[in-house]
């Protein structure tokens, strides 16, 4: 959990403070001698689900946001598996397997990796729907 407390949480907290103050989180003067904040993809400044952190204490919200992403991973995997013709039961099992697989659970502390991977099955389902 070192990255979460030393990198992810401070960046998230700065982002939330800027949003609450009515400012865009473009520049973080607290890191080094100042650092572009919104341009750094690891900050998640423009990732819409991160707005959920505004409704509660960010440290407590990590579990909720992670559970939401696990549910999204399962749902998007289910949609992909259905799009390629898999039966409903197998698609349910496949969605649960993807959401709870070893890689996803082992990397839960690296939220920017997990938050990115969650969207892959939806992209693949979209490609299957348009027959690419």
Protein backbone atom coordinates (compact mmCIF):
# COMPACT_ATOMS: atom_id res chain seq x y z
CA UNK A 1 0.00 0.00 0.00
CA UNK A 2 3.05 2.30 -0.18
CA UNK A 3 2.15 3.82 -3.54
CA UNK A 4 -1.39 4.52 -2.41
CA UNK A 5 -0.27 6.50 0.63
CA UNK A 6 2.84 8.17 -0.80
CA UNK A 7 1.81 8.93 -4.38
CA UNK A 8 -1.86 8.25 -5.14
CA UNK A 9 -3.41 9.75 -2.00
CA UNK A 10 -1.46 13.05 -2.04
CA UNK A 11 -2.22 13.54 -5.73
CA UNK A 12 -5.88 12.69 -5.20
CA UNK A 13 -6.12 15.00 -2.21
CA UNK A 14 -4.63 17.88 -4.19
CA UNK A 15 -7.05 17.20 -7.07
CA UNK A 16 -10.03 17.20 -4.72
CA UNK A 17 -8.89 20.39 -2.95
CA UNK A 18 -8.61 22.15 -6.29
CA UNK A 19 -12.04 20.93 -7.46
CA UNK A 20 -13.63 21.99 -4.16
CA UNK A 21 -12.04 25.44 -4.48
CA UNK A 22 -13.51 25.77 -7.96
CA UNK A 23 -10.15 25.54 -9.73
CA UNK A 24 -8.87 23.13 -12.36
CA UNK A 25 -5.98 21.04 -10.98
CA UNK A 26 -3.46 22.09 -13.64
CA UNK A 27 -0.33 22.73 -11.53
CA UNK A 28 0.72 21.23 -8.20
CA UNK A 29 3.08 23.61 -6.40
CA UNK A 30 3.60 21.11 -3.54
CA UNK A 31 5.57 18.47 -5.49
CA UNK A 32 9.22 19.28 -6.07
CA UNK A 33 9.41 22.93 -7.23
CA UNK A 34 6.03 22.63 -8.90
CA UNK A 35 4.80 19.96 -11.27
CA UNK A 36 2.17 19.69 -14.00
CA UNK A 37 -0.66 17.87 -12.29
CA UNK A 38 -3.49 17.43 -14.77
CA UNK A 39 -1.05 16.39 -17.52
CA UNK A 40 0.18 13.46 -15.43
CA UNK A 41 -2.04 10.44 -16.17
CA UNK A 42 -1.22 8.90 -12.79
CA UNK A 43 -3.10 11.65 -10.95
CA UNK A 44 -6.46 10.70 -12.44
CA UNK A 45 -7.43 14.38 -12.47
CA UNK A 46 -9.76 13.88 -15.45
CA UNK A 47 -11.02 10.38 -14.62
CA UNK A 48 -14.80 10.81 -13.97
CA UNK A 49 -15.17 8.01 -11.35
CA UNK A 50 -12.63 9.85 -9.19
CA UNK A 51 -15.32 12.44 -8.54
CA UNK A 52 -16.81 9.85 -6.16
CA UNK A 53 -13.98 10.73 -3.77
CA UNK A 54 -15.65 14.12 -3.27
CA UNK A 55 -18.52 12.54 -1.30
CA UNK A 56 -16.43 11.24 1.57
CA UNK A 57 -13.01 10.91 3.14
CA UNK A 58 -10.70 9.81 0.30
CA UNK A 59 -8.94 7.19 2.42
CA UNK A 60 -12.28 5.60 3.29
CA UNK A 61 -13.59 5.89 -0.26
CA UNK A 62 -10.78 3.78 -1.75
CA UNK A 63 -12.61 0.57 -0.79
CA UNK A 64 -15.90 1.79 -2.27
CA UNK A 65 -14.27 2.95 -5.52
CA UNK A 66 -12.35 -0.34 -5.78
CA UNK A 67 -15.54 -2.35 -5.24
CA UNK A 68 -17.26 -0.25 -7.92
CA UNK A 69 -14.43 -1.00 -10.35
CA UNK A 70 -14.60 -4.71 -9.53
CA UNK A 71 -18.32 -4.62 -10.31
CA UNK A 72 -17.64 -2.73 -13.55
CA UNK A 73 -14.98 -5.29 -14.50
CA UNK A 74 -17.45 -8.12 -13.95
CA UNK A 75 -20.25 -6.34 -15.84
CA UNK A 76 -18.08 -5.30 -18.79
CA UNK A 77 -16.62 -8.81 -19.04
CA UNK A 78 -20.13 -10.24 -18.99
CA UNK A 79 -21.11 -7.88 -21.83
CA UNK A 80 -18.06 -8.88 -23.87
CA UNK A 81 -18.63 -12.58 -23.38
CA UNK A 82 -22.29 -12.21 -24.35
CA UNK A 83 -21.29 -10.16 -27.40
CA UNK A 84 -19.14 -13.02 -28.68
CA UNK A 85 -21.91 -15.56 -28.17
CA UNK A 86 -21.11 -17.07 -24.78
CA UNK A 87 -24.07 -18.35 -22.77
CA UNK A 88 -25.45 -16.34 -19.86
CA UNK A 89 -24.11 -18.64 -17.12
CA UNK A 90 -20.65 -18.86 -18.63
CA UNK A 91 -20.60 -15.08 -19.12
CA UNK A 92 -21.49 -14.58 -15.45
CA UNK A 93 -18.72 -16.92 -14.38
CA UNK A 94 -16.25 -15.28 -16.77
CA UNK A 95 -17.14 -11.81 -15.50
CA UNK A 96 -16.64 -12.85 -11.89
CA UNK A 97 -13.39 -14.60 -12.76
CA UNK A 98 -12.01 -11.49 -14.46
CA UNK A 99 -13.10 -9.11 -11.69
CA UNK A 100 -11.62 -11.31 -8.95
CA UNK A 101 -8.61 -12.72 -10.79
CA UNK A 102 -5.21 -12.78 -9.17
CA UNK A 103 -3.83 -9.88 -11.18
CA UNK A 104 -6.70 -7.56 -10.27
CA UNK A 105 -6.57 -8.40 -6.59
CA UNK A 106 -2.77 -8.37 -6.38
CA UNK A 107 -2.64 -4.92 -7.97
CA UNK A 108 -5.52 -3.35 -6.06
CA UNK A 109 -3.09 -0.91 -4.47
CA UNK A 110 -2.07 0.34 -7.94
CA UNK A 111 -5.44 1.86 -8.70
CA UNK A 112 -4.39 3.51 -11.94
CA UNK A 113 -3.58 0.09 -13.44
CA UNK A 114 -6.79 -1.53 -12.23
CA UNK A 115 -8.92 1.46 -13.25
CA UNK A 116 -7.49 1.22 -16.75
CA UNK A 117 -7.85 -2.54 -17.17
CA UNK A 118 -11.49 -2.48 -16.10
CA UNK A 119 -12.45 -0.74 -19.38
CA UNK A 120 -10.74 -3.28 -21.67
CA UNK A 121 -13.68 -5.74 -21.83
CA UNK A 122 -16.05 -2.89 -22.68
CA UNK A 123 -13.79 -1.83 -25.55
CA UNK A 124 -13.64 -5.43 -26.76
CA UNK A 125 -17.43 -5.74 -26.48
CA UNK A 126 -17.82 -2.54 -28.50
CA UNK A 127 -15.57 -3.95 -31.20
CA UNK A 128 -17.57 -7.20 -31.22
CA UNK A 129 -20.87 -5.29 -31.49
CA UNK A 130 -19.72 -3.42 -34.60
CA UNK A 131 -18.08 -6.55 -36.04
CA UNK A 132 -14.58 -5.12 -36.32
